[in-house]
Amino acid sequence: MTAAAKSPELFVGVDGGGTGCRARIEDAERSLLGSGIAGPAALRIGVDRAFAEVEKACCAAADDAGLGAGALASMHAAVGLAGVGRKGLLEQLERHPHPFRSIIVLQTKPWHRLT
């Protein structure tokens, strides 16, 4: 068995809103592996605080899936954040470190691939 076969691709979807943040981890077959929640992640609270809540929700989802927090480094993330369309925020998000293999930050239209 190859290393690629041992490590299935994992995906985490995040809904970061003004009242809370929810994350779901799924495999390539779209099977739900785990879910987690955290506090508000709207960008009006600041990029650092919003990303901290995103990471908390994802770590909770990884824990629910029986994975360690280090598993985030191998996951592809799609993150929807309230307020991402505000002027200058996409540039801040592009510079902000994240724990994921790749990340796409979503707004209504269009989506933006950061890495």
PDB file of N, CA and C in Angstrom:
ATOM      1  N   MET A   1       0.846  -1.189   0.000  1.00  0.00           N
ATOM      2  CA  MET A   1       0.000   0.000   0.000  1.00  0.00           C
ATOM      3  C   MET A   1       0.882   1.239   0.000  1.00  0.00           C
ATOM      4  N   THR A   2       0.599   2.186  -0.863  1.00  0.00           N
ATOM      5  CA  THR A   2       1.400   3.405  -0.953  1.00  0.00           C
ATOM      6  C   THR A   2       1.021   4.374   0.151  1.00  0.00           C
ATOM      7  N   ALA A   3       1.886   5.357   0.368  1.00  0.00           N
ATOM      8  CA  ALA A   3       1.591   6.377   1.389  1.00  0.00           C
ATOM      9  C   ALA A   3       0.321   7.126   1.051  1.00  0.00           C
ATOM     10  N   ALA A   4       0.094   7.383  -0.252  1.00  0.00           N
ATOM     11  CA  ALA A   4      -1.122   8.095  -0.656  1.00  0.00           C
ATOM     12  C   ALA A   4      -2.357   7.277  -0.325  1.00  0.00           C
ATOM     13  N   ALA A   5      -2.273   5.952  -0.470  1.00  0.00           N
ATOM     14  CA  ALA A   5      -3.417   5.103  -0.168  1.00  0.00           C
ATOM     15  C   ALA A   5      -3.682   5.047   1.327  1.00  0.00           C
ATOM     16  N   LYS A   6      -2.638   5.208   2.143  1.00  0.00           N
ATOM     17  CA  LYS A   6      -2.793   5.180   3.592  1.00  0.00           C
ATOM     18  C   LYS A   6      -3.417   6.463   4.126  1.00  0.00           C
ATOM     19  N   SER A   7      -3.249   7.557   3.412  1.00  0.00           N
ATOM     20  CA  SER A   7      -3.737   8.850   3.860  1.00  0.00           C
ATOM     21  C   SER A   7      -4.824   9.359   2.921  1.00  0.00           C
ATOM     22  N   PRO A   8      -6.084   9.032   3.223  1.00  0.00           N
ATOM     23  CA  PRO A   8      -7.149   9.518   2.342  1.00  0.00           C
ATOM     24  C   PRO A   8      -7.253  11.034   2.412  1.00  0.00           C
ATOM     25  N   GLU A   9      -7.688  11.632   1.311  1.00  0.00           N
ATOM     26  CA  GLU A   9      -7.880  13.078   1.320  1.00  0.00           C
ATOM     27  C   GLU A   9      -9.053  13.426   2.227  1.00  0.00           C
ATOM     28  N   LEU A  10      -8.851  14.434   3.033  1.00  0.00           N
ATOM     29  CA  LEU A  10      -9.876  14.908   3.944  1.00  0.00           C
ATOM     30  C   LEU A  10     -10.170  16.364   3.646  1.00  0.00           C
ATOM     31  N   PHE A  11     -11.418  16.727   3.868  1.00  0.00           N
ATOM     32  CA  PHE A  11     -11.896  18.068   3.570  1.00  0.00           C
ATOM     33  C   PHE A  11     -12.651  18.596   4.786  1.00  0.00           C
ATOM     34  N   VAL A  12     -12.438  19.853   5.083  1.00  0.00           N
ATOM     35  CA  VAL A  12     -13.179  20.469   6.177  1.00  0.00           C
ATOM     36  C   VAL A  12     -13.914  21.686   5.623  1.00  0.00           C
ATOM     37  N   GLY A  13     -15.189  21.751   5.916  1.00  0.00           N
ATOM     38  CA  GLY A  13     -16.014  22.887   5.542  1.00  0.00           C
ATOM     39  C   GLY A  13     -16.354  23.673   6.790  1.00  0.00           C
ATOM     40  N   VAL A  14     -16.245  24.987   6.701  1.00  0.00           N
ATOM     41  CA  VAL A  14     -16.449  25.841   7.869  1.00  0.00           C
ATOM     42  C   VAL A  14     -17.450  26.940   7.539  1.00  0.00           C
ATOM     43  N   ASP A  15     -18.420  27.111   8.419  1.00  0.00           N
ATOM     44  CA  ASP A  15     -19.384  28.208   8.343  1.00  0.00           C
ATOM     45  C   ASP A  15     -19.098  29.122   9.523  1.00  0.00           C
ATOM     46  N   GLY A  16     -18.399  30.218   9.259  1.00  0.00           N
ATOM     47  CA  GLY A  16     -18.032  31.157  10.317  1.00  0.00           C
ATOM     48  C   GLY A  16     -18.933  32.366  10.295  1.00  0.00           C
ATOM     49  N   GLY A  17     -19.838  32.418  11.231  1.00  0.00           N
ATOM     50  CA  GLY A  17     -20.805  33.507  11.272  1.00  0.00           C
ATOM     51  C   GLY A  17     -20.678  34.358  12.517  1.00  0.00           C
ATOM     52  N   GLY A  18     -21.600  35.286  12.644  1.00  0.00           N
ATOM     53  CA  GLY A  18     -21.584  36.232  13.749  1.00  0.00           C
ATOM     54  C   GLY A  18     -22.005  35.659  15.085  1.00  0.00           C
ATOM     55  N   THR A  19     -22.704  34.527  15.077  1.00  0.00           N
ATOM     56  CA  THR A  19     -23.137  33.931  16.347  1.00  0.00           C
ATOM     57  C   THR A  19     -22.408  32.646  16.679  1.00  0.00           C
ATOM     58  N   GLY A  20     -21.690  32.072  15.718  1.00  0.00           N
ATOM     59  CA  GLY A  20     -20.958  30.842  15.973  1.00  0.00           C
ATOM     60  C   GLY A  20     -20.253  30.354  14.730  1.00  0.00           C
ATOM     61  N   CYS A  21     -19.446  29.344  14.929  1.00  0.00           N
ATOM     62  CA  CYS A  21     -18.659  28.759  13.851  1.00  0.00           C
ATOM     63  C   CYS A  21     -18.858  27.250  13.896  1.00  0.00           C
ATOM     64  N   ARG A  22     -19.163  26.670  12.737  1.00  0.00           N
ATOM     65  CA  ARG A  22     -19.376  25.224  12.641  1.00  0.00           C
ATOM     66  C   ARG A  22     -18.411  24.649  11.617  1.00  0.00           C
ATOM     67  N   ALA A  23     -17.887  23.462  11.913  1.00  0.00           N
ATOM     68  CA  ALA A  23     -16.970  22.787  10.990  1.00  0.00           C
ATOM     69  C   ALA A  23     -17.396  21.333  10.836  1.00  0.00           C
ATOM     70  N   ARG A  24     -17.216  20.816   9.608  1.00  0.00           N
ATOM     71  CA  ARG A  24     -17.500  19.411   9.292  1.00  0.00           C
ATOM     72  C   ARG A  24     -16.332  18.850   8.512  1.00  0.00           C
ATOM     73  N   ILE A  25     -15.883  17.678   8.905  1.00  0.00           N
ATOM     74  CA  ILE A  25     -14.816  16.992   8.178  1.00  0.00           C
ATOM     75  C   ILE A  25     -15.441  15.825   7.431  1.00  0.00           C
ATOM     76  N   GLU A  26     -15.095  15.745   6.138  1.00  0.00           N
ATOM     77  CA  GLU A  26     -15.583  14.659   5.291  1.00  0.00           C
ATOM     78  C   GLU A  26     -14.423  14.073   4.517  1.00  0.00           C
ATOM     79  N   ASP A  27     -14.609  12.827   4.075  1.00  0.00           N
ATOM     80  CA  ASP A  27     -13.604  12.212   3.218  1.00  0.00           C
ATOM     81  C   ASP A  27     -13.995  12.420   1.757  1.00  0.00           C
ATOM     82  N   ALA A  28     -13.206  11.855   0.848  1.00  0.00           N
ATOM     83  CA  ALA A  28     -13.446  12.062  -0.589  1.00  0.00           C
ATOM     84  C   ALA A  28     -14.764  11.473  -1.054  1.00  0.00           C
ATOM     85  N   GLU A  29     -15.322  10.531  -0.301  1.00  0.00           N
ATOM     86  CA  GLU A  29     -16.615   9.941  -0.651  1.00  0.00           C
ATOM     87  C   GLU A  29     -17.774  10.703  -0.022  1.00  0.00           C
ATOM     88  N   ARG A  30     -17.465  11.849   0.583  1.00  0.00           N
ATOM     89  CA  ARG A  30     -18.445  12.722   1.230  1.00  0.00           C
ATOM     90  C   ARG A  30     -19.067  12.123   2.485  1.00  0.00           C
ATOM     91  N   SER A  31     -18.358  11.198   3.106  1.00  0.00           N
ATOM     92  CA  SER A  31     -18.817  10.633   4.374  1.00  0.00           C
ATOM     93  C   SER A  31     -18.428  11.579   5.503  1.00  0.00           C
ATOM     94  N   LEU A  32     -19.389  11.904   6.356  1.00  0.00           N
ATOM     95  CA  LEU A  32     -19.126  12.769   7.500  1.00  0.00           C
ATOM     96  C   LEU A  32     -18.275  12.006   8.513  1.00  0.00           C
ATOM     97  N   LEU A  33     -17.146  12.582   8.877  1.00  0.00           N
ATOM     98  CA  LEU A  33     -16.250  11.958   9.848  1.00  0.00           C
ATOM     99  C   LEU A  33     -16.352  12.614  11.214  1.00  0.00           C
ATOM    100  N   GLY A  34     -16.584  13.915  11.247  1.00  0.00           N
ATOM    101  CA  GLY A  34     -16.675  14.609  12.522  1.00  0.00           C
ATOM    102  C   GLY A  34     -17.163  16.030  12.333  1.00  0.00           C
ATOM    103  N   SER A  35     -17.677  16.604  13.415  1.00  0.00           N
ATOM    104  CA  SER A  35     -18.134  17.993  13.375  1.00  0.00           C
ATOM    105  C   SER A  35     -17.769  18.678  14.684  1.00  0.00           C
ATOM    106  N   GLY A  36     -17.666  19.998  14.615  1.00  0.00           N
ATOM    107  CA  GLY A  36     -17.320  20.763  15.803  1.00  0.00           C
ATOM    108  C   GLY A  36     -17.871  22.166  15.723  1.00  0.00           C
ATOM    109  N   ILE A  37     -17.959  22.805  16.873  1.00  0.00           N
ATOM    110  CA  ILE A  37     -18.474  24.172  16.941  1.00  0.00           C
ATOM    111  C   ILE A  37     -17.524  25.029  17.778  1.00  0.00           C
ATOM    112  N   ALA A  38     -17.598  26.323  17.556  1.00  0.00           N
ATOM    113  CA  ALA A  38     -16.820  27.289  18.324  1.00  0.00           C
ATOM    114  C   ALA A  38     -17.597  28.604  18.345  1.00  0.00           C
ATOM    115  N   GLY A  39     -16.979  29.632  18.858  1.00  0.00           N
ATOM    116  CA  GLY A  39     -17.630  30.932  18.991  1.00  0.00           C
ATOM    117  C   GLY A  39     -17.728  31.689  17.681  1.00  0.00           C
ATOM    118  N   PRO A  40     -18.207  32.927  17.754  1.00  0.00           N
ATOM    119  CA  PRO A  40     -18.381  33.748  16.558  1.00  0.00           C
ATOM    120  C   PRO A  40     -17.088  33.895  15.757  1.00  0.00           C
ATOM    121  N   ALA A  41     -17.230  33.867  14.422  1.00  0.00           N
ATOM    122  CA  ALA A  41     -16.063  33.991  13.545  1.00  0.00           C
ATOM    123  C   ALA A  41     -16.278  35.011  12.439  1.00  0.00           C
ATOM    124  N   ALA A  42     -17.201  35.920  12.644  1.00  0.00           N
ATOM    125  CA  ALA A  42     -17.401  36.988  11.654  1.00  0.00           C
ATOM    126  C   ALA A  42     -16.175  37.878  11.656  1.00  0.00           C
ATOM    127  N   LEU A  43     -15.798  38.362  10.504  1.00  0.00           N
ATOM    128  CA  LEU A  43     -14.579  39.155  10.392  1.00  0.00           C
ATOM    129  C   LEU A  43     -14.665  40.517  11.076  1.00  0.00           C
ATOM    130  N   ARG A  44     -15.839  40.925  11.491  1.00  0.00           N
ATOM    131  CA  ARG A  44     -15.954  42.192  12.220  1.00  0.00           C
ATOM    132  C   ARG A  44     -15.229  42.131  13.563  1.00  0.00           C
ATOM    133  N   ILE A  45     -14.959  40.899  14.060  1.00  0.00           N
ATOM    134  CA  ILE A  45     -14.224  40.764  15.329  1.00  0.00           C
ATOM    135  C   ILE A  45     -12.714  40.763  15.099  1.00  0.00           C
ATOM    136  N   GLY A  46     -12.302  40.799  13.840  1.00  0.00           N
ATOM    137  CA  GLY A  46     -10.881  40.805  13.503  1.00  0.00           C
ATOM    138  C   GLY A  46     -10.461  39.478  12.898  1.00  0.00           C
ATOM    139  N   VAL A  47      -9.500  39.544  12.007  1.00  0.00           N
ATOM    140  CA  VAL A  47      -9.035  38.348  11.301  1.00  0.00           C
ATOM    141  C   VAL A  47      -8.430  37.342  12.282  1.00  0.00           C
ATOM    142  N   ASP A  48      -7.599  37.801  13.209  1.00  0.00           N
ATOM    143  CA  ASP A  48      -6.960  36.876  14.155  1.00  0.00           C
ATOM    144  C   ASP A  48      -7.986  36.130  15.000  1.00  0.00           C
ATOM    145  N   ARG A  49      -8.937  36.860  15.556  1.00  0.00           N
ATOM    146  CA  ARG A  49      -9.961  36.219  16.402  1.00  0.00           C
ATOM    147  C   ARG A  49     -10.854  35.302  15.581  1.00  0.00           C
ATOM    148  N   ALA A  50     -11.218  35.722  14.372  1.00  0.00           N
ATOM    149  CA  ALA A  50     -12.069  34.887  13.521  1.00  0.00           C
ATOM    150  C   ALA A  50     -11.356  33.575  13.180  1.00  0.00           C
ATOM    151  N   PHE A  51     -10.085  33.658  12.788  1.00  0.00           N
ATOM    152  CA  PHE A  51      -9.332  32.443  12.452  1.00  0.00           C
ATOM    153  C   PHE A  51      -9.118  31.561  13.676  1.00  0.00           C
ATOM    154  N   ALA A  52      -8.980  32.157  14.856  1.00  0.00           N
ATOM    155  CA  ALA A  52      -8.842  31.359  16.073  1.00  0.00           C
ATOM    156  C   ALA A  52     -10.100  30.517  16.293  1.00  0.00           C
ATOM    157  N   GLU A  53     -11.270  31.092  16.043  1.00  0.00           N
ATOM    158  CA  GLU A  53     -12.519  30.337  16.202  1.00  0.00           C
ATOM    159  C   GLU A  53     -12.665  29.277  15.117  1.00  0.00           C
ATOM    160  N   VAL A  54     -12.229  29.604  13.900  1.00  0.00           N
ATOM    161  CA  VAL A  54     -12.242  28.604  12.819  1.00  0.00           C
ATOM    162  C   VAL A  54     -11.381  27.418  13.229  1.00  0.00           C
ATOM    163  N   GLU A  55     -10.189  27.694  13.724  1.00  0.00           N
ATOM    164  CA  GLU A  55      -9.295  26.608  14.129  1.00  0.00           C
ATOM    165  C   GLU A  55      -9.878  25.809  15.294  1.00  0.00           C
ATOM    166  N   LYS A  56     -10.512  26.475  16.260  1.00  0.00           N
ATOM    167  CA  LYS A  56     -11.148  25.769  17.381  1.00  0.00           C
ATOM    168  C   LYS A  56     -12.227  24.819  16.875  1.00  0.00           C
ATOM    169  N   ALA A  57     -13.074  25.298  15.975  1.00  0.00           N
ATOM    170  CA  ALA A  57     -14.149  24.453  15.438  1.00  0.00           C
ATOM    171  C   ALA A  57     -13.565  23.266  14.670  1.00  0.00           C
ATOM    172  N   CYS A  58     -12.516  23.506  13.908  1.00  0.00           N
ATOM    173  CA  CYS A  58     -11.891  22.428  13.134  1.00  0.00           C
ATOM    174  C   CYS A  58     -11.205  21.418  14.043  1.00  0.00           C
ATOM    175  N   CYS A  59     -10.562  21.892  15.095  1.00  0.00           N
ATOM    176  CA  CYS A  59      -9.938  20.970  16.061  1.00  0.00           C
ATOM    177  C   CYS A  59     -10.995  20.131  16.770  1.00  0.00           C
ATOM    178  N   ALA A  60     -12.129  20.748  17.083  1.00  0.00           N
ATOM    179  CA  ALA A  60     -13.225  19.995  17.697  1.00  0.00           C
ATOM    180  C   ALA A  60     -13.760  18.942  16.737  1.00  0.00           C
ATOM    181  N   ALA A  61     -13.849  19.281  15.450  1.00  0.00           N
ATOM    182  CA  ALA A  61     -14.299  18.323  14.436  1.00  0.00           C
ATOM    183  C   ALA A  61     -13.285  17.190  14.285  1.00  0.00           C
ATOM    184  N   ALA A  62     -11.997  17.530  14.304  1.00  0.00           N
ATOM    185  CA  ALA A  62     -10.952  16.505  14.205  1.00  0.00           C
ATOM    186  C   ALA A  62     -11.013  15.573  15.408  1.00  0.00           C
ATOM    187  N   ASP A  63     -11.233  16.139  16.583  1.00  0.00           N
ATOM    188  CA  ASP A  63     -11.368  15.321  17.791  1.00  0.00           C
ATOM    189  C   ASP A  63     -12.586  14.400  17.682  1.00  0.00           C
ATOM    190  N   ASP A  64     -13.699  14.939  17.200  1.00  0.00           N
ATOM    191  CA  ASP A  64     -14.917  14.146  17.008  1.00  0.00           C
ATOM    192  C   ASP A  64     -14.689  13.007  16.014  1.00  0.00           C
ATOM    193  N   ALA A  65     -13.812  13.244  15.038  1.00  0.00           N
ATOM    194  CA  ALA A  65     -13.509  12.235  14.016  1.00  0.00           C
ATOM    195  C   ALA A  65     -12.449  11.231  14.486  1.00  0.00           C
ATOM    196  N   GLY A  66     -11.898  11.458  15.680  1.00  0.00           N
ATOM    197  CA  GLY A  66     -10.849  10.573  16.181  1.00  0.00           C
ATOM    198  C   GLY A  66      -9.482  10.897  15.598  1.00  0.00           C
ATOM    199  N   LEU A  67      -9.328  12.098  15.103  1.00  0.00           N
ATOM    200  CA  LEU A  67      -8.064  12.562  14.528  1.00  0.00           C
ATOM    201  C   LEU A  67      -7.433  13.572  15.480  1.00  0.00           C
ATOM    202  N   GLY A  68      -6.150  13.700  15.428  1.00  0.00           N
ATOM    203  CA  GLY A  68      -5.491  14.713  16.230  1.00  0.00           C
ATOM    204  C   GLY A  68      -5.577  16.067  15.550  1.00  0.00           C
ATOM    205  N   ALA A  69      -5.325  17.124  16.323  1.00  0.00           N
ATOM    206  CA  ALA A  69      -5.346  18.476  15.759  1.00  0.00           C
ATOM    207  C   ALA A  69      -4.315  18.619  14.647  1.00  0.00           C
ATOM    208  N   GLY A  70      -3.246  17.839  14.692  1.00  0.00           N
ATOM    209  CA  GLY A  70      -2.227  17.874  13.646  1.00  0.00           C
ATOM    210  C   GLY A  70      -2.750  17.433  12.295  1.00  0.00           C
ATOM    211  N   ALA A  71      -3.897  16.758  12.281  1.00  0.00           N
ATOM    212  CA  ALA A  71      -4.490  16.296  11.026  1.00  0.00           C
ATOM    213  C   ALA A  71      -4.945  17.452  10.149  1.00  0.00           C
ATOM    214  N   LEU A  72      -5.135  18.631  10.729  1.00  0.00           N
ATOM    215  CA  LEU A  72      -5.574  19.783   9.939  1.00  0.00           C
ATOM    216  C   LEU A  72      -4.571  20.108   8.837  1.00  0.00           C
ATOM    217  N   ALA A  73      -3.304  19.829   9.072  1.00  0.00           N
ATOM    218  CA  ALA A  73      -2.261  20.144   8.096  1.00  0.00           C
ATOM    219  C   ALA A  73      -2.413  19.346   6.807  1.00  0.00           C
ATOM    220  N   SER A  74      -3.165  18.263   6.848  1.00  0.00           N
ATOM    221  CA  SER A  74      -3.361  17.461   5.641  1.00  0.00           C
ATOM    222  C   SER A  74      -4.726  17.687   5.002  1.00  0.00           C
ATOM    223  N   MET A  75      -5.521  18.588   5.566  1.00  0.00           N
ATOM    224  CA  MET A  75      -6.884  18.808   5.080  1.00  0.00           C
ATOM    225  C   MET A  75      -6.993  20.009   4.151  1.00  0.00           C
ATOM    226  N   HIS A  76      -7.899  19.879   3.193  1.00  0.00           N
ATOM    227  CA  HIS A  76      -8.282  20.997   2.338  1.00  0.00           C
ATOM    228  C   HIS A  76      -9.472  21.672   3.023  1.00  0.00           C
ATOM    229  N   ALA A  77      -9.424  22.979   3.157  1.00  0.00           N
ATOM    230  CA  ALA A  77     -10.476  23.709   3.869  1.00  0.00           C
ATOM    231  C   ALA A  77     -11.214  24.662   2.943  1.00  0.00           C
ATOM    232  N   ALA A  78     -12.534  24.691   3.090  1.00  0.00           N
ATOM    233  CA  ALA A  78     -13.384  25.689   2.457  1.00  0.00           C
ATOM    234  C   ALA A  78     -14.038  26.452   3.602  1.00  0.00           C
ATOM    235  N   VAL A  79     -13.725  27.726   3.702  1.00  0.00           N
ATOM    236  CA  VAL A  79     -14.129  28.518   4.856  1.00  0.00           C
ATOM    237  C   VAL A  79     -14.993  29.691   4.401  1.00  0.00           C
ATOM    238  N   GLY A  80     -16.213  29.718   4.883  1.00  0.00           N
ATOM    239  CA  GLY A  80     -17.102  30.849   4.652  1.00  0.00           C
ATOM    240  C   GLY A  80     -17.103  31.721   5.888  1.00  0.00           C
ATOM    241  N   LEU A  81     -16.790  32.981   5.722  1.00  0.00           N
ATOM    242  CA  LEU A  81     -16.732  33.903   6.854  1.00  0.00           C
ATOM    243  C   LEU A  81     -17.624  35.107   6.604  1.00  0.00           C
ATOM    244  N   ALA A  82     -18.446  35.427   7.579  1.00  0.00           N
ATOM    245  CA  ALA A  82     -19.290  36.610   7.471  1.00  0.00           C
ATOM    246  C   ALA A  82     -18.407  37.843   7.393  1.00  0.00           C
ATOM    247  N   GLY A  83     -18.676  38.703   6.424  1.00  0.00           N
ATOM    248  CA  GLY A  83     -17.953  39.950   6.279  1.00  0.00           C
ATOM    249  C   GLY A  83     -16.744  39.891   5.371  1.00  0.00           C
ATOM    250  N   VAL A  84     -16.530  38.755   4.705  1.00  0.00           N
ATOM    251  CA  VAL A  84     -15.326  38.615   3.875  1.00  0.00           C
ATOM    252  C   VAL A  84     -15.306  39.591   2.700  1.00  0.00           C
ATOM    253  N   GLY A  85     -16.439  40.096   2.306  1.00  0.00           N
ATOM    254  CA  GLY A  85     -16.490  41.021   1.186  1.00  0.00           C
ATOM    255  C   GLY A  85     -16.095  42.448   1.530  1.00  0.00           C
ATOM    256  N   ARG A  86     -15.865  42.725   2.816  1.00  0.00           N
ATOM    257  CA  ARG A  86     -15.501  44.087   3.215  1.00  0.00           C
ATOM    258  C   ARG A  86     -14.131  44.464   2.670  1.00  0.00           C
ATOM    259  N   LYS A  87     -13.995  45.694   2.277  1.00  0.00           N
ATOM    260  CA  LYS A  87     -12.775  46.195   1.637  1.00  0.00           C
ATOM    261  C   LYS A  87     -11.526  45.885   2.476  1.00  0.00           C
ATOM    262  N   GLY A  88     -10.528  45.311   1.809  1.00  0.00           N
ATOM    263  CA  GLY A  88      -9.236  45.046   2.430  1.00  0.00           C
ATOM    264  C   GLY A  88      -9.122  43.731   3.170  1.00  0.00           C
ATOM    265  N   LEU A  89     -10.244  43.065   3.433  1.00  0.00           N
ATOM    266  CA  LEU A  89     -10.170  41.846   4.228  1.00  0.00           C
ATOM    267  C   LEU A  89      -9.571  40.673   3.470  1.00  0.00           C
ATOM    268  N   LEU A  90      -9.834  40.559   2.184  1.00  0.00           N
ATOM    269  CA  LEU A  90      -9.240  39.446   1.437  1.00  0.00           C
ATOM    270  C   LEU A  90      -7.716  39.529   1.455  1.00  0.00           C
ATOM    271  N   GLU A  91      -7.184  40.710   1.364  1.00  0.00           N
ATOM    272  CA  GLU A  91      -5.736  40.876   1.413  1.00  0.00           C
ATOM    273  C   GLU A  91      -5.191  40.445   2.771  1.00  0.00           C
ATOM    274  N   GLN A  92      -5.876  40.806   3.850  1.00  0.00           N
ATOM    275  CA  GLN A  92      -5.464  40.374   5.196  1.00  0.00           C
ATOM    276  C   GLN A  92      -5.537  38.852   5.319  1.00  0.00           C
ATOM    277  N   LEU A  93      -6.598  38.262   4.780  1.00  0.00           N
ATOM    278  CA  LEU A  93      -6.757  36.809   4.854  1.00  0.00           C
ATOM    279  C   LEU A  93      -5.652  36.078   4.085  1.00  0.00           C
ATOM    280  N   GLU A  94      -5.251  36.643   2.949  1.00  0.00           N
ATOM    281  CA  GLU A  94      -4.188  36.021   2.160  1.00  0.00           C
ATOM    282  C   GLU A  94      -2.869  35.969   2.925  1.00  0.00           C
ATOM    283  N   ARG A  95      -2.630  36.935   3.780  1.00  0.00           N
ATOM    284  CA  ARG A  95      -1.385  36.993   4.549  1.00  0.00           C
ATOM    285  C   ARG A  95      -1.459  36.223   5.861  1.00  0.00           C
ATOM    286  N   HIS A  96      -2.656  35.870   6.288  1.00  0.00           N
ATOM    287  CA  HIS A  96      -2.821  35.238   7.600  1.00  0.00           C
ATOM    288  C   HIS A  96      -2.425  33.761   7.553  1.00  0.00           C
ATOM    289  N   PRO A  97      -1.601  33.309   8.496  1.00  0.00           N
ATOM    290  CA  PRO A  97      -1.235  31.885   8.522  1.00  0.00           C
ATOM    291  C   PRO A  97      -2.445  31.019   8.869  1.00  0.00           C
ATOM    292  N   HIS A  98      -2.437  29.808   8.361  1.00  0.00           N
ATOM    293  CA  HIS A  98      -3.509  28.863   8.661  1.00  0.00           C
ATOM    294  C   HIS A  98      -2.901  27.468   8.801  1.00  0.00           C
ATOM    295  N   PRO A  99      -3.607  26.548   9.451  1.00  0.00           N
ATOM    296  CA  PRO A  99      -3.054  25.212   9.694  1.00  0.00           C
ATOM    297  C   PRO A  99      -3.363  24.182   8.612  1.00  0.00           C
ATOM    298  N   PHE A 100      -4.003  24.572   7.528  1.00  0.00           N
ATOM    299  CA  PHE A 100      -4.523  23.616   6.551  1.00  0.00           C
ATOM    300  C   PHE A 100      -3.559  23.364   5.388  1.00  0.00           C
ATOM    301  N   ARG A 101      -3.768  22.235   4.703  1.00  0.00           N
ATOM    302  CA  ARG A 101      -2.998  21.941   3.492  1.00  0.00           C
ATOM    303  C   ARG A 101      -3.281  22.996   2.426  1.00  0.00           C
ATOM    304  N   SER A 102      -4.555  23.321   2.257  1.00  0.00           N
ATOM    305  CA  SER A 102      -4.977  24.391   1.361  1.00  0.00           C
ATOM    306  C   SER A 102      -6.243  25.000   1.932  1.00  0.00           C
ATOM    307  N   ILE A 103      -6.532  26.208   1.484  1.00  0.00           N
ATOM    308  CA  ILE A 103      -7.723  26.894   1.989  1.00  0.00           C
ATOM    309  C   ILE A 103      -8.346  27.731   0.880  1.00  0.00           C
ATOM    310  N   ILE A 104      -9.659  27.713   0.851  1.00  0.00           N
ATOM    311  CA  ILE A 104     -10.443  28.581  -0.005  1.00  0.00           C
ATOM    312  C   ILE A 104     -11.371  29.351   0.923  1.00  0.00           C
ATOM    313  N   VAL A 105     -11.339  30.668   0.816  1.00  0.00           N
ATOM    314  CA  VAL A 105     -12.238  31.504   1.606  1.00  0.00           C
ATOM    315  C   VAL A 105     -13.367  31.929   0.703  1.00  0.00           C
ATOM    316  N   LEU A 106     -14.583  31.753   1.177  1.00  0.00           N
ATOM    317  CA  LEU A 106     -15.770  31.995   0.366  1.00  0.00           C
ATOM    318  C   LEU A 106     -16.517  33.244   0.799  1.00  0.00           C
ATOM    319  N   GLN A 107     -17.067  33.889  -0.194  1.00  0.00           N
ATOM    320  CA  GLN A 107     -18.080  34.906   0.007  1.00  0.00           C
ATOM    321  C   GLN A 107     -19.175  34.575  -1.000  1.00  0.00           C
ATOM    322  N   THR A 108     -20.214  35.336  -1.054  1.00  0.00           N
ATOM    323  CA  THR A 108     -21.305  35.008  -1.959  1.00  0.00           C
ATOM    324  C   THR A 108     -20.799  34.809  -3.372  1.00  0.00           C
ATOM    325  N   LYS A 109     -20.074  35.756  -3.926  1.00  0.00           N
ATOM    326  CA  LYS A 109     -19.456  35.659  -5.245  1.00  0.00           C
ATOM    327  C   LYS A 109     -18.278  36.588  -5.271  1.00  0.00           C
ATOM    328  N   PRO A 110     -17.192  36.253  -5.815  1.00  0.00           N
ATOM    329  CA  PRO A 110     -16.704  34.930  -6.179  1.00  0.00           C
ATOM    330  C   PRO A 110     -15.986  34.292  -5.010  1.00  0.00           C
ATOM    331  N   TRP A 111     -15.498  33.063  -5.150  1.00  0.00           N
ATOM    332  CA  TRP A 111     -14.666  32.447  -4.133  1.00  0.00           C
ATOM    333  C   TRP A 111     -13.213  32.796  -4.431  1.00  0.00           C
ATOM    334  N   HIS A 112     -12.380  32.736  -3.417  1.00  0.00           N
ATOM    335  CA  HIS A 112     -10.981  33.119  -3.564  1.00  0.00           C
ATOM    336  C   HIS A 112     -10.091  32.032  -2.985  1.00  0.00           C
ATOM    337  N   ARG A 113      -9.201  31.468  -3.816  1.00  0.00           N
ATOM    338  CA  ARG A 113      -8.245  30.462  -3.346  1.00  0.00           C
ATOM    339  C   ARG A 113      -7.051  31.220  -2.776  1.00  0.00           C
ATOM    340  N   LEU A 114      -6.723  30.939  -1.503  1.00  0.00           N
ATOM    341  CA  LEU A 114      -5.615  31.627  -0.865  1.00  0.00           C
ATOM    342  C   LEU A 114      -4.312  30.859  -1.017  1.00  0.00           C
ATOM    343  N   THR A 115      -4.361  29.538  -1.040  1.00  0.00           N
ATOM    344  CA  THR A 115      -3.136  28.738  -1.237  1.00  0.00           C
ATOM    345  C   THR A 115      -3.449  27.554  -2.103  1.00  0.00           C
TER     346      THR A 115
END
